[in-house]
Each structure stands twice: as C-alpha cells, then as structure tokens.
Amino acid sequence: MYELAEMVRHAVRAIPPGQVATYGDVAELIGCTARQVGRILATDGADIPWWRVVNASGRLPAHLLPDARRHWAGEGIDIEQDAAGVPLRRYRAEPQPWANRAGLTEEPG
C-alpha cells in the first residue's frame, strides 16, 4: 500500500487532462481529509498536475492562479468570469472512471 503522500500524488496524476477534482474528491477516493490533500500538494506537488485539484467552489488560492490559468488554458479548461477558478459542473472528473484510471478501485464486472 502506498503511503498517504504517494497515494495523493498517484490520484492527482490520474485526473484526466481537461478535468478537475476537488480536494474533497481526492480525499474521498483515498480515504483521508481534504486538508491533508491540500497540505501534501502544497509541500510535495510541484511535479504533478496540481492545477487539476481545486476547492469545492472550483477555485485556487490567489498566489497559484497565474500558473493555474496557463495550465487550464493549455488543457482547454475555461475559467470563470472573475478568473478565480473553473466551473466545476462542466469540468469535474467523473469519480468512477477517474478512480479506475488511478487503479484505486476495481472495475465492475
């Protein structure tokens, strides 16, 4: 079994390009808290697609937005009108396919 940080990193890598997940989505997938996910990404997430993980409102802290916007644009993710986040209803990763892609659940059937 992966240690927690590696599980978070693995789950974030599995979020498909052009989609996002919330800190809570990642936490639910691997069995920890959203706060733990955020902390791990803040301290050990520079080399993974951290911009694909947003808060429950589809936003990121202001200091991350300039880099996140570039990544979102490169993946075809539109930003909200106020440019502070992404519309979750449109870009949120579907939980089951994403979990299967991460290899953290078994495919049905």
PDB file of N, CA and C in Angstrom:
ATOM      1  N   MET A   1       0.848  -1.196   0.000  1.00  0.00           N
ATOM      2  CA  MET A   1       0.000   0.000   0.000  1.00  0.00           C
ATOM      3  C   MET A   1       0.887   1.250   0.000  1.00  0.00           C
ATOM      4  N   TYR A   2       0.468   2.220  -0.780  1.00  0.00           N
ATOM      5  CA  TYR A   2       1.210   3.475  -0.838  1.00  0.00           C
ATOM      6  C   TYR A   2       1.108   4.217   0.485  1.00  0.00           C
ATOM      7  N   GLU A   3       2.119   4.966   0.830  1.00  0.00           N
ATOM      8  CA  GLU A   3       1.954   5.881   1.947  1.00  0.00           C
ATOM      9  C   GLU A   3       1.035   7.001   1.477  1.00  0.00           C
ATOM     10  N   LEU A   4       0.470   7.739   2.404  1.00  0.00           N
ATOM     11  CA  LEU A   4      -0.556   8.729   2.071  1.00  0.00           C
ATOM     12  C   LEU A   4      -0.109   9.725   1.002  1.00  0.00           C
ATOM     13  N   ALA A   5       1.062  10.292   1.147  1.00  0.00           N
ATOM     14  CA  ALA A   5       1.525  11.289   0.169  1.00  0.00           C
ATOM     15  C   ALA A   5       1.606  10.685  -1.225  1.00  0.00           C
ATOM     16  N   GLU A   6       2.097   9.478  -1.323  1.00  0.00           N
ATOM     17  CA  GLU A   6       2.205   8.854  -2.640  1.00  0.00           C
ATOM     18  C   GLU A   6       0.829   8.518  -3.204  1.00  0.00           C
ATOM     19  N   MET A   7      -0.113   8.166  -2.350  1.00  0.00           N
ATOM     20  CA  MET A   7      -1.478   7.906  -2.813  1.00  0.00           C
ATOM     21  C   MET A   7      -2.107   9.182  -3.367  1.00  0.00           C
ATOM     22  N   VAL A   8      -1.902  10.299  -2.672  1.00  0.00           N
ATOM     23  CA  VAL A   8      -2.425  11.580  -3.163  1.00  0.00           C
ATOM     24  C   VAL A   8      -1.783  11.908  -4.505  1.00  0.00           C
ATOM     25  N   ARG A   9      -0.488  11.798  -4.587  1.00  0.00           N
ATOM     26  CA  ARG A   9       0.224  12.098  -5.825  1.00  0.00           C
ATOM     27  C   ARG A   9      -0.276  11.211  -6.972  1.00  0.00           C
ATOM     28  N   HIS A  10      -0.469   9.940  -6.700  1.00  0.00           N
ATOM     29  CA  HIS A  10      -0.948   8.994  -7.710  1.00  0.00           C
ATOM     30  C   HIS A  10      -2.356   9.366  -8.177  1.00  0.00           C
ATOM     31  N   ALA A  11      -3.237   9.688  -7.229  1.00  0.00           N
ATOM     32  CA  ALA A  11      -4.611  10.052  -7.569  1.00  0.00           C
ATOM     33  C   ALA A  11      -4.648  11.328  -8.408  1.00  0.00           C
ATOM     34  N   VAL A  12      -3.833  12.312  -8.063  1.00  0.00           N
ATOM     35  CA  VAL A  12      -3.821  13.572  -8.803  1.00  0.00           C
ATOM     36  C   VAL A  12      -3.283  13.351 -10.217  1.00  0.00           C
ATOM     37  N   ARG A  13      -2.266  12.519 -10.354  1.00  0.00           N
ATOM     38  CA  ARG A  13      -1.741  12.215 -11.688  1.00  0.00           C
ATOM     39  C   ARG A  13      -2.807  11.573 -12.575  1.00  0.00           C
ATOM     40  N   ALA A  14      -3.752  10.867 -11.975  1.00  0.00           N
ATOM     41  CA  ALA A  14      -4.775  10.141 -12.736  1.00  0.00           C
ATOM     42  C   ALA A  14      -5.956  11.015 -13.170  1.00  0.00           C
ATOM     43  N   ILE A  15      -6.048  12.240 -12.655  1.00  0.00           N
ATOM     44  CA  ILE A  15      -7.123  13.130 -13.105  1.00  0.00           C
ATOM     45  C   ILE A  15      -6.867  13.437 -14.579  1.00  0.00           C
ATOM     46  N   PRO A  16      -7.829  13.145 -15.433  1.00  0.00           N
ATOM     47  CA  PRO A  16      -7.586  13.342 -16.869  1.00  0.00           C
ATOM     48  C   PRO A  16      -7.319  14.802 -17.232  1.00  0.00           C
ATOM     49  N   PRO A  17      -6.451  15.038 -18.204  1.00  0.00           N
ATOM     50  CA  PRO A  17      -6.249  16.410 -18.693  1.00  0.00           C
ATOM     51  C   PRO A  17      -7.586  17.000 -19.129  1.00  0.00           C
ATOM     52  N   GLY A  18      -7.772  18.276 -18.841  1.00  0.00           N
ATOM     53  CA  GLY A  18      -9.010  18.947 -19.197  1.00  0.00           C
ATOM     54  C   GLY A  18     -10.122  18.747 -18.182  1.00  0.00           C
ATOM     55  N   GLN A  19      -9.806  18.109 -17.059  1.00  0.00           N
ATOM     56  CA  GLN A  19     -10.777  17.908 -15.995  1.00  0.00           C
ATOM     57  C   GLN A  19     -10.151  18.302 -14.665  1.00  0.00           C
ATOM     58  N   VAL A  20     -10.998  18.521 -13.673  1.00  0.00           N
ATOM     59  CA  VAL A  20     -10.529  18.849 -12.329  1.00  0.00           C
ATOM     60  C   VAL A  20     -11.263  17.996 -11.318  1.00  0.00           C
ATOM     61  N   ALA A  21     -10.706  17.944 -10.121  1.00  0.00           N
ATOM     62  CA  ALA A  21     -11.336  17.301  -8.970  1.00  0.00           C
ATOM     63  C   ALA A  21     -11.142  18.240  -7.792  1.00  0.00           C
ATOM     64  N   THR A  22     -11.958  18.082  -6.780  1.00  0.00           N
ATOM     65  CA  THR A  22     -11.789  18.905  -5.589  1.00  0.00           C
ATOM     66  C   THR A  22     -10.860  18.202  -4.603  1.00  0.00           C
ATOM     67  N   TYR A  23     -10.366  18.972  -3.654  1.00  0.00           N
ATOM     68  CA  TYR A  23      -9.560  18.373  -2.586  1.00  0.00           C
ATOM     69  C   TYR A  23     -10.365  17.272  -1.909  1.00  0.00           C
ATOM     70  N   GLY A  24     -11.659  17.520  -1.714  1.00  0.00           N
ATOM     71  CA  GLY A  24     -12.538  16.527  -1.101  1.00  0.00           C
ATOM     72  C   GLY A  24     -12.712  15.281  -1.947  1.00  0.00           C
ATOM     73  N   ASP A  25     -12.770  15.448  -3.268  1.00  0.00           N
ATOM     74  CA  ASP A  25     -12.865  14.290  -4.167  1.00  0.00           C
ATOM     75  C   ASP A  25     -11.645  13.381  -4.002  1.00  0.00           C
ATOM     76  N   VAL A  26     -10.476  14.000  -3.995  1.00  0.00           N
ATOM     77  CA  VAL A  26      -9.236  13.229  -3.841  1.00  0.00           C
ATOM     78  C   VAL A  26      -9.232  12.545  -2.475  1.00  0.00           C
ATOM     79  N   ALA A  27      -9.611  13.283  -1.452  1.00  0.00           N
ATOM     80  CA  ALA A  27      -9.636  12.731  -0.098  1.00  0.00           C
ATOM     81  C   ALA A  27     -10.575  11.534   0.005  1.00  0.00           C
ATOM     82  N   GLU A  28     -11.753  11.655  -0.583  1.00  0.00           N
ATOM     83  CA  GLU A  28     -12.721  10.561  -0.537  1.00  0.00           C
ATOM     84  C   GLU A  28     -12.196   9.331  -1.275  1.00  0.00           C
ATOM     85  N   LEU A  29     -11.541   9.554  -2.382  1.00  0.00           N
ATOM     86  CA  LEU A  29     -11.006   8.457  -3.175  1.00  0.00           C
ATOM     87  C   LEU A  29      -9.977   7.641  -2.409  1.00  0.00           C
ATOM     88  N   ILE A  30      -9.123   8.325  -1.646  1.00  0.00           N
ATOM     89  CA  ILE A  30      -8.034   7.587  -0.989  1.00  0.00           C
ATOM     90  C   ILE A  30      -8.216   7.413   0.508  1.00  0.00           C
ATOM     91  N   GLY A  31      -9.241   8.037   1.081  1.00  0.00           N
ATOM     92  CA  GLY A  31      -9.528   7.817   2.490  1.00  0.00           C
ATOM     93  C   GLY A  31      -8.744   8.693   3.450  1.00  0.00           C
ATOM     94  N   CYS A  32      -8.727   9.985   3.180  1.00  0.00           N
ATOM     95  CA  CYS A  32      -8.091  10.929   4.101  1.00  0.00           C
ATOM     96  C   CYS A  32      -8.957  12.178   4.140  1.00  0.00           C
ATOM     97  N   THR A  33      -8.418  13.292   4.597  1.00  0.00           N
ATOM     98  CA  THR A  33      -9.189  14.533   4.635  1.00  0.00           C
ATOM     99  C   THR A  33      -8.744  15.475   3.521  1.00  0.00           C
ATOM    100  N   ALA A  34      -9.647  16.387   3.156  1.00  0.00           N
ATOM    101  CA  ALA A  34      -9.319  17.385   2.138  1.00  0.00           C
ATOM    102  C   ALA A  34      -8.134  18.238   2.585  1.00  0.00           C
ATOM    103  N   ARG A  35      -8.072  18.525   3.854  1.00  0.00           N
ATOM    104  CA  ARG A  35      -6.963  19.320   4.389  1.00  0.00           C
ATOM    105  C   ARG A  35      -5.632  18.598   4.193  1.00  0.00           C
ATOM    106  N   GLN A  36      -5.626  17.278   4.386  1.00  0.00           N
ATOM    107  CA  GLN A  36      -4.402  16.508   4.168  1.00  0.00           C
ATOM    108  C   GLN A  36      -3.983  16.563   2.700  1.00  0.00           C
ATOM    109  N   VAL A  37      -4.954  16.457   1.805  1.00  0.00           N
ATOM    110  CA  VAL A  37      -4.659  16.542   0.374  1.00  0.00           C
ATOM    111  C   VAL A  37      -4.019  17.891   0.054  1.00  0.00           C
ATOM    112  N   GLY A  38      -4.619  18.964   0.547  1.00  0.00           N
ATOM    113  CA  GLY A  38      -4.079  20.293   0.302  1.00  0.00           C
ATOM    114  C   GLY A  38      -2.670  20.455   0.827  1.00  0.00           C
ATOM    115  N   ARG A  39      -2.436  19.941   2.000  1.00  0.00           N
ATOM    116  CA  ARG A  39      -1.098  20.048   2.610  1.00  0.00           C
ATOM    117  C   ARG A  39      -0.061  19.287   1.796  1.00  0.00           C
ATOM    118  N   ILE A  40      -0.420  18.091   1.364  1.00  0.00           N
ATOM    119  CA  ILE A  40       0.511  17.289   0.563  1.00  0.00           C
ATOM    120  C   ILE A  40       0.803  17.981  -0.763  1.00  0.00           C
ATOM    121  N   LEU A  41      -0.220  18.520  -1.406  1.00  0.00           N
ATOM    122  CA  LEU A  41       0.014  19.222  -2.675  1.00  0.00           C
ATOM    123  C   LEU A  41       0.866  20.466  -2.469  1.00  0.00           C
ATOM    124  N   ALA A  42       0.670  21.152  -1.353  1.00  0.00           N
ATOM    125  CA  ALA A  42       1.448  22.359  -1.079  1.00  0.00           C
ATOM    126  C   ALA A  42       2.923  22.055  -0.838  1.00  0.00           C
ATOM    127  N   THR A  43       3.200  20.901  -0.243  1.00  0.00           N
ATOM    128  CA  THR A  43       4.583  20.586   0.115  1.00  0.00           C
ATOM    129  C   THR A  43       5.264  19.613  -0.833  1.00  0.00           C
ATOM    130  N   ASP A  44       4.477  18.842  -1.589  1.00  0.00           N
ATOM    131  CA  ASP A  44       5.071  17.784  -2.404  1.00  0.00           C
ATOM    132  C   ASP A  44       4.314  17.608  -3.728  1.00  0.00           C
ATOM    133  N   GLY A  45       3.847  18.714  -4.320  1.00  0.00           N
ATOM    134  CA  GLY A  45       3.038  18.576  -5.517  1.00  0.00           C
ATOM    135  C   GLY A  45       3.533  19.323  -6.731  1.00  0.00           C
ATOM    136  N   ALA A  46       4.724  19.865  -6.681  1.00  0.00           N
ATOM    137  CA  ALA A  46       5.201  20.702  -7.781  1.00  0.00           C
ATOM    138  C   ALA A  46       5.367  19.935  -9.085  1.00  0.00           C
ATOM    139  N   ASP A  47       5.638  18.643  -9.015  1.00  0.00           N
ATOM    140  CA  ASP A  47       5.917  17.868 -10.226  1.00  0.00           C
ATOM    141  C   ASP A  47       4.722  17.047 -10.712  1.00  0.00           C
ATOM    142  N   ILE A  48       3.540  17.340 -10.189  1.00  0.00           N
ATOM    143  CA  ILE A  48       2.315  16.668 -10.636  1.00  0.00           C
ATOM    144  C   ILE A  48       1.306  17.735 -11.060  1.00  0.00           C
ATOM    145  N   PRO A  49       0.218  17.378 -11.731  1.00  0.00           N
ATOM    146  CA  PRO A  49      -0.740  18.392 -12.220  1.00  0.00           C
ATOM    147  C   PRO A  49      -1.633  18.954 -11.109  1.00  0.00           C
ATOM    148  N   TRP A  50      -1.039  19.691 -10.202  1.00  0.00           N
ATOM    149  CA  TRP A  50      -1.721  20.255  -9.039  1.00  0.00           C
ATOM    150  C   TRP A  50      -2.883  21.160  -9.426  1.00  0.00           C
ATOM    151  N   TRP A  51      -2.814  21.795 -10.611  1.00  0.00           N
ATOM    152  CA  TRP A  51      -3.860  22.721 -11.058  1.00  0.00           C
ATOM    153  C   TRP A  51      -5.172  21.996 -11.331  1.00  0.00           C
ATOM    154  N   ARG A  52      -5.147  20.684 -11.373  1.00  0.00           N
ATOM    155  CA  ARG A  52      -6.372  19.909 -11.571  1.00  0.00           C
ATOM    156  C   ARG A  52      -7.113  19.648 -10.268  1.00  0.00           C
ATOM    157  N   VAL A  53      -6.594  20.142  -9.157  1.00  0.00           N
ATOM    158  CA  VAL A  53      -7.257  19.977  -7.862  1.00  0.00           C
ATOM    159  C   VAL A  53      -7.619  21.361  -7.333  1.00  0.00           C
ATOM    160  N   VAL A  54      -8.912  21.571  -7.135  1.00  0.00           N
ATOM    161  CA  VAL A  54      -9.433  22.874  -6.730  1.00  0.00           C
ATOM    162  C   VAL A  54     -10.295  22.718  -5.480  1.00  0.00           C
ATOM    163  N   ASN A  55     -10.690  23.827  -4.892  1.00  0.00           N
ATOM    164  CA  ASN A  55     -11.572  23.733  -3.729  1.00  0.00           C
ATOM    165  C   ASN A  55     -13.002  23.442  -4.184  1.00  0.00           C
ATOM    166  N   ALA A  56     -13.908  23.331  -3.237  1.00  0.00           N
ATOM    167  CA  ALA A  56     -15.292  22.953  -3.537  1.00  0.00           C
ATOM    168  C   ALA A  56     -16.027  23.984  -4.388  1.00  0.00           C
ATOM    169  N   SER A  57     -15.454  25.172  -4.529  1.00  0.00           N
ATOM    170  CA  SER A  57     -16.037  26.213  -5.387  1.00  0.00           C
ATOM    171  C   SER A  57     -15.346  26.291  -6.750  1.00  0.00           C
ATOM    172  N   GLY A  58     -14.398  25.393  -6.997  1.00  0.00           N
ATOM    173  CA  GLY A  58     -13.674  25.412  -8.264  1.00  0.00           C
ATOM    174  C   GLY A  58     -12.530  26.400  -8.300  1.00  0.00           C
ATOM    175  N   ARG A  59     -12.100  26.841  -7.145  1.00  0.00           N
ATOM    176  CA  ARG A  59     -11.087  27.899  -7.066  1.00  0.00           C
ATOM    177  C   ARG A  59      -9.787  27.415  -6.427  1.00  0.00           C
ATOM    178  N   LEU A  60      -8.770  28.237  -6.615  1.00  0.00           N
ATOM    179  CA  LEU A  60      -7.463  28.028  -6.002  1.00  0.00           C
ATOM    180  C   LEU A  60      -7.041  29.311  -5.299  1.00  0.00           C
ATOM    181  N   PRO A  61      -6.073  29.221  -4.383  1.00  0.00           N
ATOM    182  CA  PRO A  61      -5.562  30.442  -3.749  1.00  0.00           C
ATOM    183  C   PRO A  61      -4.989  31.395  -4.801  1.00  0.00           C
ATOM    184  N   ALA A  62      -5.101  32.676  -4.534  1.00  0.00           N
ATOM    185  CA  ALA A  62      -4.689  33.716  -5.487  1.00  0.00           C
ATOM    186  C   ALA A  62      -3.250  33.553  -5.963  1.00  0.00           C
ATOM    187  N   HIS A  63      -2.342  33.139  -5.081  1.00  0.00           N
ATOM    188  CA  HIS A  63      -0.940  33.035  -5.497  1.00  0.00           C
ATOM    189  C   HIS A  63      -0.704  31.909  -6.505  1.00  0.00           C
ATOM    190  N   LEU A  64      -1.637  30.966  -6.635  1.00  0.00           N
ATOM    191  CA  LEU A  64      -1.493  29.875  -7.601  1.00  0.00           C
ATOM    192  C   LEU A  64      -2.161  30.169  -8.942  1.00  0.00           C
ATOM    193  N   LEU A  65      -3.031  31.167  -8.971  1.00  0.00           N
ATOM    194  CA  LEU A  65      -3.845  31.409 -10.161  1.00  0.00           C
ATOM    195  C   LEU A  65      -3.071  31.716 -11.438  1.00  0.00           C
ATOM    196  N   PRO A  66      -2.027  32.542 -11.416  1.00  0.00           N
ATOM    197  CA  PRO A  66      -1.339  32.815 -12.694  1.00  0.00           C
ATOM    198  C   PRO A  66      -0.845  31.533 -13.390  1.00  0.00           C
ATOM    199  N   ASP A  67      -0.196  30.653 -12.650  1.00  0.00           N
ATOM    200  CA  ASP A  67       0.282  29.398 -13.243  1.00  0.00           C
ATOM    201  C   ASP A  67      -0.878  28.478 -13.587  1.00  0.00           C
ATOM    202  N   ALA A  68      -1.876  28.398 -12.705  1.00  0.00           N
ATOM    203  CA  ALA A  68      -3.022  27.528 -12.960  1.00  0.00           C
ATOM    204  C   ALA A  68      -3.753  27.951 -14.235  1.00  0.00           C
ATOM    205  N   ARG A  69      -3.941  29.236 -14.426  1.00  0.00           N
ATOM    206  CA  ARG A  69      -4.642  29.723 -15.630  1.00  0.00           C
ATOM    207  C   ARG A  69      -3.934  29.281 -16.907  1.00  0.00           C
ATOM    208  N   ARG A  70      -2.614  29.336 -16.905  1.00  0.00           N
ATOM    209  CA  ARG A  70      -1.854  28.884 -18.084  1.00  0.00           C
ATOM    210  C   ARG A  70      -2.086  27.399 -18.340  1.00  0.00           C
ATOM    211  N   HIS A  71      -2.041  26.608 -17.261  1.00  0.00           N
ATOM    212  CA  HIS A  71      -2.269  25.166 -17.410  1.00  0.00           C
ATOM    213  C   HIS A  71      -3.700  24.881 -17.859  1.00  0.00           C
ATOM    214  N   TRP A  72      -4.671  25.563 -17.231  1.00  0.00           N
ATOM    215  CA  TRP A  72      -6.072  25.356 -17.610  1.00  0.00           C
ATOM    216  C   TRP A  72      -6.277  25.689 -19.087  1.00  0.00           C
ATOM    217  N   ALA A  73      -5.722  26.802 -19.530  1.00  0.00           N
ATOM    218  CA  ALA A  73      -5.864  27.199 -20.940  1.00  0.00           C
ATOM    219  C   ALA A  73      -5.245  26.148 -21.857  1.00  0.00           C
ATOM    220  N   GLY A  74      -4.100  25.630 -21.469  1.00  0.00           N
ATOM    221  CA  GLY A  74      -3.428  24.609 -22.265  1.00  0.00           C
ATOM    222  C   GLY A  74      -4.203  23.308 -22.360  1.00  0.00           C
ATOM    223  N   GLU A  75      -5.052  23.045 -21.372  1.00  0.00           N
ATOM    224  CA  GLU A  75      -5.863  21.826 -21.365  1.00  0.00           C
ATOM    225  C   GLU A  75      -7.287  22.075 -21.839  1.00  0.00           C
ATOM    226  N   GLY A  76      -7.580  23.313 -22.285  1.00  0.00           N
ATOM    227  CA  GLY A  76      -8.906  23.620 -22.782  1.00  0.00           C
ATOM    228  C   GLY A  76      -9.952  23.830 -21.709  1.00  0.00           C
ATOM    229  N   ILE A  77      -9.524  24.146 -20.497  1.00  0.00           N
ATOM    230  CA  ILE A  77     -10.446  24.414 -19.394  1.00  0.00           C
ATOM    231  C   ILE A  77     -10.730  25.910 -19.356  1.00  0.00           C
ATOM    232  N   ASP A  78     -11.995  26.268 -19.515  1.00  0.00           N
ATOM    233  CA  ASP A  78     -12.389  27.674 -19.433  1.00  0.00           C
ATOM    234  C   ASP A  78     -12.405  28.112 -17.974  1.00  0.00           C
ATOM    235  N   ILE A  79     -12.024  29.353 -17.741  1.00  0.00           N
ATOM    236  CA  ILE A  79     -12.068  29.877 -16.385  1.00  0.00           C
ATOM    237  C   ILE A  79     -13.369  30.642 -16.175  1.00  0.00           C
ATOM    238  N   GLU A  80     -13.731  30.825 -14.911  1.00  0.00           N
ATOM    239  CA  GLU A  80     -14.927  31.589 -14.588  1.00  0.00           C
ATOM    240  C   GLU A  80     -14.728  33.051 -14.969  1.00  0.00           C
ATOM    241  N   GLN A  81     -15.811  33.771 -15.069  1.00  0.00           N
ATOM    242  CA  GLN A  81     -15.744  35.175 -15.488  1.00  0.00           C
ATOM    243  C   GLN A  81     -14.818  36.005 -14.623  1.00  0.00           C
ATOM    244  N   ASP A  82     -14.767  35.717 -13.321  1.00  0.00           N
ATOM    245  CA  ASP A  82     -13.890  36.502 -12.445  1.00  0.00           C
ATOM    246  C   ASP A  82     -12.449  35.997 -12.468  1.00  0.00           C
ATOM    247  N   ALA A  83     -12.186  34.965 -13.282  1.00  0.00           N
ATOM    248  CA  ALA A  83     -10.846  34.402 -13.484  1.00  0.00           C
ATOM    249  C   ALA A  83     -10.229  33.807 -12.235  1.00  0.00           C
ATOM    250  N   ALA A  84     -11.053  33.464 -11.238  1.00  0.00           N
ATOM    251  CA  ALA A  84     -10.521  32.927  -9.992  1.00  0.00           C
ATOM    252  C   ALA A  84     -10.681  31.418  -9.874  1.00  0.00           C
ATOM    253  N   GLY A  85     -11.284  30.792 -10.874  1.00  0.00           N
ATOM    254  CA  GLY A  85     -11.483  29.354 -10.795  1.00  0.00           C
ATOM    255  C   GLY A  85     -12.107  28.802 -12.058  1.00  0.00           C
ATOM    256  N   VAL A  86     -12.550  27.549 -11.963  1.00  0.00           N
ATOM    257  CA  VAL A  86     -13.156  26.865 -13.103  1.00  0.00           C
ATOM    258  C   VAL A  86     -14.579  26.440 -12.750  1.00  0.00           C
ATOM    259  N   PRO A  87     -15.456  26.349 -13.750  1.00  0.00           N
ATOM    260  CA  PRO A  87     -16.820  25.883 -13.498  1.00  0.00           C
ATOM    261  C   PRO A  87     -16.825  24.370 -13.262  1.00  0.00           C
ATOM    262  N   LEU A  88     -17.020  23.981 -12.021  1.00  0.00           N
ATOM    263  CA  LEU A  88     -16.972  22.563 -11.659  1.00  0.00           C
ATOM    264  C   LEU A  88     -17.998  21.727 -12.409  1.00  0.00           C
ATOM    265  N   ARG A  89     -19.200  22.261 -12.587  1.00  0.00           N
ATOM    266  CA  ARG A  89     -20.236  21.467 -13.262  1.00  0.00           C
ATOM    267  C   ARG A  89     -19.795  21.009 -14.643  1.00  0.00           C
ATOM    268  N   ARG A  90     -18.950  21.768 -15.253  1.00  0.00           N
ATOM    269  CA  ARG A  90     -18.507  21.447 -16.612  1.00  0.00           C
ATOM    270  C   ARG A  90     -17.244  20.588 -16.648  1.00  0.00           C
ATOM    271  N   TYR A  91     -16.331  20.785 -15.704  1.00  0.00           N
ATOM    272  CA  TYR A  91     -15.012  20.169 -15.801  1.00  0.00           C
ATOM    273  C   TYR A  91     -14.671  19.144 -14.723  1.00  0.00           C
ATOM    274  N   ARG A  92     -15.588  18.867 -13.810  1.00  0.00           N
ATOM    275  CA  ARG A  92     -15.289  17.932 -12.725  1.00  0.00           C
ATOM    276  C   ARG A  92     -15.153  16.516 -13.262  1.00  0.00           C
ATOM    277  N   ALA A  93     -14.081  15.852 -12.866  1.00  0.00           N
ATOM    278  CA  ALA A  93     -13.835  14.472 -13.297  1.00  0.00           C
ATOM    279  C   ALA A  93     -14.911  13.555 -12.726  1.00  0.00           C
ATOM    280  N   GLU A  94     -15.400  12.643 -13.544  1.00  0.00           N
ATOM    281  CA  GLU A  94     -16.361  11.640 -13.087  1.00  0.00           C
ATOM    282  C   GLU A  94     -15.644  10.704 -12.112  1.00  0.00           C
ATOM    283  N   PRO A  95     -16.199  10.513 -10.911  1.00  0.00           N
ATOM    284  CA  PRO A  95     -15.482   9.757  -9.880  1.00  0.00           C
ATOM    285  C   PRO A  95     -15.092   8.331 -10.265  1.00  0.00           C
ATOM    286  N   GLN A  96     -15.994   7.536 -10.797  1.00  0.00           N
ATOM    287  CA  GLN A  96     -15.666   6.132 -11.057  1.00  0.00           C
ATOM    288  C   GLN A  96     -14.613   5.953 -12.141  1.00  0.00           C
ATOM    289  N   PRO A  97     -14.754   6.585 -13.305  1.00  0.00           N
ATOM    290  CA  PRO A  97     -13.691   6.419 -14.307  1.00  0.00           C
ATOM    291  C   PRO A  97     -12.333   6.933 -13.828  1.00  0.00           C
ATOM    292  N   TRP A  98     -12.369   8.032 -13.095  1.00  0.00           N
ATOM    293  CA  TRP A  98     -11.112   8.585 -12.574  1.00  0.00           C
ATOM    294  C   TRP A  98     -10.494   7.629 -11.561  1.00  0.00           C
ATOM    295  N   ALA A  99     -11.305   7.080 -10.660  1.00  0.00           N
ATOM    296  CA  ALA A  99     -10.805   6.127  -9.663  1.00  0.00           C
ATOM    297  C   ALA A  99     -10.251   4.879 -10.353  1.00  0.00           C
ATOM    298  N   ASN A 100     -10.949   4.397 -11.380  1.00  0.00           N
ATOM    299  CA  ASN A 100     -10.459   3.243 -12.117  1.00  0.00           C
ATOM    300  C   ASN A 100      -9.133   3.549 -12.793  1.00  0.00           C
ATOM    301  N   ARG A 101      -9.043   4.745 -13.377  1.00  0.00           N
ATOM    302  CA  ARG A 101      -7.804   5.174 -14.045  1.00  0.00           C
ATOM    303  C   ARG A 101      -6.645   5.220 -13.051  1.00  0.00           C
ATOM    304  N   ALA A 102      -6.954   5.642 -11.822  1.00  0.00           N
ATOM    305  CA  ALA A 102      -5.934   5.718 -10.784  1.00  0.00           C
ATOM    306  C   ALA A 102      -5.540   4.349 -10.273  1.00  0.00           C
ATOM    307  N   GLY A 103      -6.375   3.331 -10.590  1.00  0.00           N
ATOM    308  CA  GLY A 103      -6.086   1.986 -10.101  1.00  0.00           C
ATOM    309  C   GLY A 103      -6.381   1.832  -8.624  1.00  0.00           C
ATOM    310  N   LEU A 104      -7.207   2.722  -8.097  1.00  0.00           N
ATOM    311  CA  LEU A 104      -7.507   2.694  -6.670  1.00  0.00           C
ATOM    312  C   LEU A 104      -8.838   2.001  -6.371  1.00  0.00           C
ATOM    313  N   THR A 105      -9.544   1.571  -7.404  1.00  0.00           N
ATOM    314  CA  THR A 105     -10.748   0.764  -7.243  1.00  0.00           C
ATOM    315  C   THR A 105     -10.727  -0.308  -8.322  1.00  0.00           C
ATOM    316  N   GLU A 106     -11.574  -1.284  -8.142  1.00  0.00           N
ATOM    317  CA  GLU A 106     -11.693  -2.330  -9.155  1.00  0.00           C
ATOM    318  C   GLU A 106     -12.795  -1.962 -10.125  1.00  0.00           C
ATOM    319  N   GLU A 107     -12.565  -2.246 -11.398  1.00  0.00           N
ATOM    320  CA  GLU A 107     -13.600  -2.005 -12.401  1.00  0.00           C
ATOM    321  C   GLU A 107     -14.711  -3.024 -12.191  1.00  0.00           C
ATOM    322  N   PRO A 108     -15.975  -2.591 -12.339  1.00  0.00           N
ATOM    323  CA  PRO A 108     -17.080  -3.517 -12.173  1.00  0.00           C
ATOM    324  C   PRO A 108     -17.085  -4.584 -13.263  1.00  0.00           C
ATOM    325  N   GLY A 109     -17.612  -5.762 -12.862  1.00  0.00           N
ATOM    326  CA  GLY A 109     -17.881  -6.806 -13.811  1.00  0.00           C
ATOM    327  C   GLY A 109     -16.759  -7.668 -14.150  1.00  0.00           C
TER     328      GLY A 109
END
